[in-house]
PDB file of all heavy atoms in Angstrom:
ATOM      1  N   GLN A   1      11.151 -13.601   0.545  1.00  0.00           N
ATOM      2  CA  GLN A   1      11.701 -12.240   0.557  1.00  0.00           C
ATOM      3  C   GLN A   1      10.877 -11.326  -0.366  1.00  0.00           C
ATOM      4  O   GLN A   1      10.573 -10.189  -0.001  1.00  0.00           O
ATOM      5  CB  GLN A   1      13.155 -12.247   0.112  1.00  0.00           C
ATOM      6  CG  GLN A   1      13.808 -10.881   0.200  1.00  0.00           C
ATOM      7  CD  GLN A   1      15.270 -10.920  -0.201  1.00  0.00           C
ATOM      8  OE1 GLN A   1      15.771 -11.951  -0.647  1.00  0.00           O
ATOM      9  NE2 GLN A   1      15.939  -9.806  -0.053  1.00  0.00           N
ATOM     10  N   ALA A   2      10.489 -11.788  -1.521  1.00  0.00           N
ATOM     11  CA  ALA A   2       9.687 -10.988  -2.447  1.00  0.00           C
ATOM     12  C   ALA A   2       8.329 -10.665  -1.835  1.00  0.00           C
ATOM     13  O   ALA A   2       7.823  -9.544  -1.960  1.00  0.00           O
ATOM     14  CB  ALA A   2       9.512 -11.721  -3.775  1.00  0.00           C
ATOM     15  N   ARG A   3       7.712 -11.628  -1.153  1.00  0.00           N
ATOM     16  CA  ARG A   3       6.418 -11.413  -0.504  1.00  0.00           C
ATOM     17  C   ARG A   3       6.538 -10.375   0.615  1.00  0.00           C
ATOM     18  O   ARG A   3       5.700  -9.498   0.760  1.00  0.00           O
ATOM     19  CB  ARG A   3       5.895 -12.741   0.058  1.00  0.00           C
ATOM     20  CG  ARG A   3       4.470 -12.644   0.577  1.00  0.00           C
ATOM     21  CD  ARG A   3       3.932 -13.970   1.108  1.00  0.00           C
ATOM     22  NE  ARG A   3       4.064 -15.035   0.135  1.00  0.00           N
ATOM     23  CZ  ARG A   3       4.736 -16.183   0.344  1.00  0.00           C
ATOM     24  NH1 ARG A   3       5.320 -16.409   1.490  1.00  0.00           N
ATOM     25  NH2 ARG A   3       4.808 -17.095  -0.601  1.00  0.00           N
ATOM     26  N   ARG A   4       7.620 -10.445   1.394  1.00  0.00           N
ATOM     27  CA  ARG A   4       7.837  -9.500   2.489  1.00  0.00           C
ATOM     28  C   ARG A   4       8.027  -8.080   1.957  1.00  0.00           C
ATOM     29  O   ARG A   4       7.452  -7.121   2.470  1.00  0.00           O
ATOM     30  CB  ARG A   4       9.057  -9.917   3.318  1.00  0.00           C
ATOM     31  CG  ARG A   4       9.296  -9.007   4.530  1.00  0.00           C
ATOM     32  CD  ARG A   4      10.532  -9.413   5.302  1.00  0.00           C
ATOM     33  NE  ARG A   4      11.736  -9.566   4.500  1.00  0.00           N
ATOM     34  CZ  ARG A   4      12.483  -8.547   4.069  1.00  0.00           C
ATOM     35  NH1 ARG A   4      12.167  -7.328   4.363  1.00  0.00           N
ATOM     36  NH2 ARG A   4      13.567  -8.775   3.346  1.00  0.00           N
ATOM     37  N   ILE A   5       8.791  -7.930   0.883  1.00  0.00           N
ATOM     38  CA  ILE A   5       9.014  -6.611   0.286  1.00  0.00           C
ATOM     39  C   ILE A   5       7.698  -6.040  -0.233  1.00  0.00           C
ATOM     40  O   ILE A   5       7.388  -4.868  -0.033  1.00  0.00           O
ATOM     41  CB  ILE A   5      10.069  -6.702  -0.838  1.00  0.00           C
ATOM     42  CG1 ILE A   5      11.442  -6.956  -0.229  1.00  0.00           C
ATOM     43  CG2 ILE A   5      10.087  -5.431  -1.671  1.00  0.00           C
ATOM     44  CD1 ILE A   5      12.518  -7.254  -1.240  1.00  0.00           C
ATOM     45  N   ARG A   6       6.883  -6.878  -0.848  1.00  0.00           N
ATOM     46  CA  ARG A   6       5.599  -6.403  -1.370  1.00  0.00           C
ATOM     47  C   ARG A   6       4.686  -5.969  -0.237  1.00  0.00           C
ATOM     48  O   ARG A   6       4.011  -4.941  -0.318  1.00  0.00           O
ATOM     49  CB  ARG A   6       4.933  -7.499  -2.189  1.00  0.00           C
ATOM     50  CG  ARG A   6       3.649  -7.049  -2.840  1.00  0.00           C
ATOM     51  CD  ARG A   6       3.149  -8.071  -3.854  1.00  0.00           C
ATOM     52  NE  ARG A   6       2.073  -7.552  -4.634  1.00  0.00           N
ATOM     53  CZ  ARG A   6       0.812  -7.485  -4.224  1.00  0.00           C
ATOM     54  NH1 ARG A   6       0.489  -7.919  -3.033  1.00  0.00           N
ATOM     55  NH2 ARG A   6      -0.130  -6.989  -5.005  1.00  0.00           N
ATOM     56  N   GLN A   7       4.660  -6.707   0.865  1.00  0.00           N
ATOM     57  CA  GLN A   7       3.823  -6.331   2.005  1.00  0.00           C
ATOM     58  C   GLN A   7       4.295  -5.014   2.627  1.00  0.00           C
ATOM     59  O   GLN A   7       3.483  -4.196   3.051  1.00  0.00           O
ATOM     60  CB  GLN A   7       3.814  -7.451   3.047  1.00  0.00           C
ATOM     61  CG  GLN A   7       3.003  -8.640   2.621  1.00  0.00           C
ATOM     62  CD  GLN A   7       3.135  -9.800   3.593  1.00  0.00           C
ATOM     63  OE1 GLN A   7       4.003  -9.802   4.458  1.00  0.00           O
ATOM     64  NE2 GLN A   7       2.271 -10.796   3.440  1.00  0.00           N
ATOM     65  N   GLU A   8       5.617  -4.810   2.698  1.00  0.00           N
ATOM     66  CA  GLU A   8       6.133  -3.544   3.235  1.00  0.00           C
ATOM     67  C   GLU A   8       5.745  -2.376   2.326  1.00  0.00           C
ATOM     68  O   GLU A   8       5.434  -1.294   2.806  1.00  0.00           O
ATOM     69  CB  GLU A   8       7.654  -3.598   3.367  1.00  0.00           C
ATOM     70  CG  GLU A   8       8.134  -4.460   4.498  1.00  0.00           C
ATOM     71  CD  GLU A   8       9.648  -4.605   4.513  1.00  0.00           C
ATOM     72  OE1 GLU A   8      10.318  -4.004   3.651  1.00  0.00           O
ATOM     73  OE2 GLU A   8      10.142  -5.331   5.377  1.00  0.00           O
ATOM     74  N   ASN A   9       5.767  -2.590   1.031  1.00  0.00           N
ATOM     75  CA  ASN A   9       5.397  -1.532   0.098  1.00  0.00           C
ATOM     76  C   ASN A   9       3.915  -1.193   0.185  1.00  0.00           C
ATOM     77  O   ASN A   9       3.526  -0.051  -0.033  1.00  0.00           O
ATOM     78  CB  ASN A   9       5.745  -1.921  -1.337  1.00  0.00           C
ATOM     79  CG  ASN A   9       7.233  -1.886  -1.592  1.00  0.00           C
ATOM     80  OD1 ASN A   9       7.971  -1.252  -0.861  1.00  0.00           O
ATOM     81  ND2 ASN A   9       7.662  -2.583  -2.630  1.00  0.00           N
ATOM     82  N   LEU A  10       3.090  -2.173   0.464  1.00  0.00           N
ATOM     83  CA  LEU A  10       1.647  -1.946   0.528  1.00  0.00           C
ATOM     84  C   LEU A  10       1.174  -1.527   1.916  1.00  0.00           C
ATOM     85  O   LEU A  10       0.008  -1.182   2.072  1.00  0.00           O
ATOM     86  CB  LEU A  10       0.898  -3.199   0.081  1.00  0.00           C
ATOM     87  CG  LEU A  10       1.084  -3.605  -1.386  1.00  0.00           C
ATOM     88  CD1 LEU A  10       0.351  -4.909  -1.655  1.00  0.00           C
ATOM     89  CD2 LEU A  10       0.590  -2.514  -2.302  1.00  0.00           C
ATOM     90  N   ALA A  11       2.020  -1.533   2.913  1.00  0.00           N
ATOM     91  CA  ALA A  11       1.614  -1.178   4.269  1.00  0.00           C
ATOM     92  C   ALA A  11       1.166   0.281   4.307  1.00  0.00           C
ATOM     93  O   ALA A  11       1.797   1.164   3.745  1.00  0.00           O
ATOM     94  CB  ALA A  11       2.767  -1.394   5.241  1.00  0.00           C
ATOM     95  N   GLY A  12       0.067   0.554   4.960  1.00  0.00           N
ATOM     96  CA  GLY A  12      -0.437   1.906   5.098  1.00  0.00           C
ATOM     97  C   GLY A  12      -1.335   2.352   3.960  1.00  0.00           C
ATOM     98  O   GLY A  12      -1.931   3.414   4.029  1.00  0.00           O
ATOM     99  N   ARG A  13      -1.470   1.533   2.942  1.00  0.00           N
ATOM    100  CA  ARG A  13      -2.361   1.904   1.837  1.00  0.00           C
ATOM    101  C   ARG A  13      -3.768   1.418   2.136  1.00  0.00           C
ATOM    102  O   ARG A  13      -3.989   0.575   2.999  1.00  0.00           O
ATOM    103  CB  ARG A  13      -1.887   1.272   0.539  1.00  0.00           C
ATOM    104  CG  ARG A  13      -0.623   1.877   0.013  1.00  0.00           C
ATOM    105  CD  ARG A  13      -0.400   1.373  -1.371  1.00  0.00           C
ATOM    106  NE  ARG A  13       0.854   1.860  -1.910  1.00  0.00           N
ATOM    107  CZ  ARG A  13       1.320   1.506  -3.080  1.00  0.00           C
ATOM    108  NH1 ARG A  13       0.659   0.667  -3.826  1.00  0.00           N
ATOM    109  NH2 ARG A  13       2.461   1.988  -3.500  1.00  0.00           N
ATOM    110  N   ARG A  14      -4.693   1.958   1.386  1.00  0.00           N
ATOM    111  CA  ARG A  14      -6.076   1.519   1.522  1.00  0.00           C
ATOM    112  C   ARG A  14      -6.214   0.122   0.923  1.00  0.00           C
ATOM    113  O   ARG A  14      -5.379  -0.307   0.144  1.00  0.00           O
ATOM    114  CB  ARG A  14      -6.981   2.503   0.793  1.00  0.00           C
ATOM    115  CG  ARG A  14      -6.965   3.858   1.456  1.00  0.00           C
ATOM    116  CD  ARG A  14      -7.894   4.807   0.754  1.00  0.00           C
ATOM    117  NE  ARG A  14      -7.835   6.085   1.444  1.00  0.00           N
ATOM    118  CZ  ARG A  14      -8.050   7.239   0.866  1.00  0.00           C
ATOM    119  NH1 ARG A  14      -8.365   7.301  -0.394  1.00  0.00           N
ATOM    120  NH2 ARG A  14      -7.974   8.353   1.550  1.00  0.00           N
ATOM    121  N   PRO A  15      -7.285  -0.593   1.257  1.00  0.00           N
ATOM    122  CA  PRO A  15      -7.479  -1.927   0.678  1.00  0.00           C
ATOM    123  C   PRO A  15      -7.455  -1.861  -0.841  1.00  0.00           C
ATOM    124  O   PRO A  15      -8.032  -0.969  -1.444  1.00  0.00           O
ATOM    125  CB  PRO A  15      -8.848  -2.343   1.184  1.00  0.00           C
ATOM    126  CG  PRO A  15      -9.085  -1.517   2.398  1.00  0.00           C
ATOM    127  CD  PRO A  15      -8.342  -0.247   2.194  1.00  0.00           C
ATOM    128  N   GLY A  16      -6.779  -2.782  -1.436  1.00  0.00           N
ATOM    129  CA  GLY A  16      -6.664  -2.801  -2.878  1.00  0.00           C
ATOM    130  C   GLY A  16      -5.303  -2.299  -3.334  1.00  0.00           C
ATOM    131  O   GLY A  16      -4.944  -2.448  -4.480  1.00  0.00           O
ATOM    132  N   GLY A  17      -4.544  -1.674  -2.433  1.00  0.00           N
ATOM    133  CA  GLY A  17      -3.201  -1.265  -2.767  1.00  0.00           C
ATOM    134  C   GLY A  17      -3.070   0.121  -3.368  1.00  0.00           C
ATOM    135  O   GLY A  17      -1.978   0.562  -3.636  1.00  0.00           O
ATOM    136  N   TYR A  18      -4.184   0.818  -3.583  1.00  0.00           N
ATOM    137  CA  TYR A  18      -4.118   2.145  -4.186  1.00  0.00           C
ATOM    138  C   TYR A  18      -4.494   3.186  -3.141  1.00  0.00           C
ATOM    139  O   TYR A  18      -5.264   2.930  -2.235  1.00  0.00           O
ATOM    140  CB  TYR A  18      -5.059   2.248  -5.387  1.00  0.00           C
ATOM    141  CG  TYR A  18      -4.698   1.274  -6.469  1.00  0.00           C
ATOM    142  CD1 TYR A  18      -5.421   0.111  -6.659  1.00  0.00           C
ATOM    143  CD2 TYR A  18      -3.606   1.516  -7.287  1.00  0.00           C
ATOM    144  CE1 TYR A  18      -5.072  -0.788  -7.641  1.00  0.00           C
ATOM    145  CE2 TYR A  18      -3.251   0.618  -8.271  1.00  0.00           C
ATOM    146  CZ  TYR A  18      -3.992  -0.521  -8.448  1.00  0.00           C
ATOM    147  OH  TYR A  18      -3.637  -1.409  -9.423  1.00  0.00           O
ATOM    148  N   SER A  19      -3.969   4.393  -3.307  1.00  0.00           N
ATOM    149  CA  SER A  19      -4.253   5.430  -2.322  1.00  0.00           C
ATOM    150  C   SER A  19      -5.625   6.060  -2.536  1.00  0.00           C
ATOM    151  O   SER A  19      -6.166   6.671  -1.639  1.00  0.00           O
ATOM    152  CB  SER A  19      -3.174   6.527  -2.358  1.00  0.00           C
ATOM    153  OG  SER A  19      -3.209   7.189  -3.592  1.00  0.00           O
ATOM    154  N   GLY A  20      -6.192   5.960  -3.706  1.00  0.00           N
ATOM    155  CA  GLY A  20      -7.534   6.458  -3.953  1.00  0.00           C
ATOM    156  C   GLY A  20      -7.545   7.925  -4.331  1.00  0.00           C
ATOM    157  O   GLY A  20      -6.521   8.579  -4.408  1.00  0.00           O
ATOM    158  N   PRO A  21      -8.734   8.479  -4.577  1.00  0.00           N
ATOM    159  CA  PRO A  21      -8.837   9.846  -5.072  1.00  0.00           C
ATOM    160  C   PRO A  21      -8.633  10.915  -4.005  1.00  0.00           C
ATOM    161  O   PRO A  21      -8.358  12.050  -4.320  1.00  0.00           O
ATOM    162  CB  PRO A  21     -10.254   9.910  -5.637  1.00  0.00           C
ATOM    163  CG  PRO A  21     -11.018   8.932  -4.828  1.00  0.00           C
ATOM    164  CD  PRO A  21     -10.048   7.826  -4.535  1.00  0.00           C
ATOM    165  N   GLY A  22      -8.799  10.587  -2.745  1.00  0.00           N
ATOM    166  CA  GLY A  22      -8.676  11.576  -1.680  1.00  0.00           C
ATOM    167  C   GLY A  22      -7.234  11.897  -1.350  1.00  0.00           C
ATOM    168  O   GLY A  22      -6.300  11.266  -1.841  1.00  0.00           O
ATOM    169  N   PRO A  23      -7.026  12.905  -0.521  1.00  0.00           N
ATOM    170  CA  PRO A  23      -5.652  13.254  -0.127  1.00  0.00           C
ATOM    171  C   PRO A  23      -5.014  12.148   0.704  1.00  0.00           C
ATOM    172  O   PRO A  23      -5.670  11.519   1.524  1.00  0.00           O
ATOM    173  CB  PRO A  23      -5.820  14.538   0.682  1.00  0.00           C
ATOM    174  CG  PRO A  23      -7.241  14.595   1.066  1.00  0.00           C
ATOM    175  CD  PRO A  23      -8.016  13.791   0.080  1.00  0.00           C
ATOM    176  N   ASP A  24      -3.764  11.919   0.465  1.00  0.00           N
ATOM    177  CA  ASP A  24      -3.007  10.902   1.193  1.00  0.00           C
ATOM    178  C   ASP A  24      -1.738  11.578   1.713  1.00  0.00           C
ATOM    179  O   ASP A  24      -0.769  11.750   0.977  1.00  0.00           O
ATOM    180  CB  ASP A  24      -2.661   9.748   0.253  1.00  0.00           C
ATOM    181  CG  ASP A  24      -2.024   8.583   0.980  1.00  0.00           C
ATOM    182  OD1 ASP A  24      -1.854   8.675   2.213  1.00  0.00           O
ATOM    183  OD2 ASP A  24      -1.700   7.580   0.323  1.00  0.00           O
ATOM    184  N   PRO A  25      -1.719  11.994   2.993  1.00  0.00           N
ATOM    185  CA  PRO A  25      -0.573  12.740   3.511  1.00  0.00           C
ATOM    186  C   PRO A  25       0.742  11.974   3.441  1.00  0.00           C
ATOM    187  O   PRO A  25       1.803  12.576   3.359  1.00  0.00           O
ATOM    188  CB  PRO A  25      -0.940  13.027   4.963  1.00  0.00           C
ATOM    189  CG  PRO A  25      -2.352  12.620   5.147  1.00  0.00           C
ATOM    190  CD  PRO A  25      -2.759  11.802   3.981  1.00  0.00           C
TER     191      PRO A  25
END
């Protein structure tokens, strides 16, 4: 369950889990 929640939170982000310096709508 913890792994699934973490994957849902990271879905749609750039590789590495951070949104980066550019705009992220």
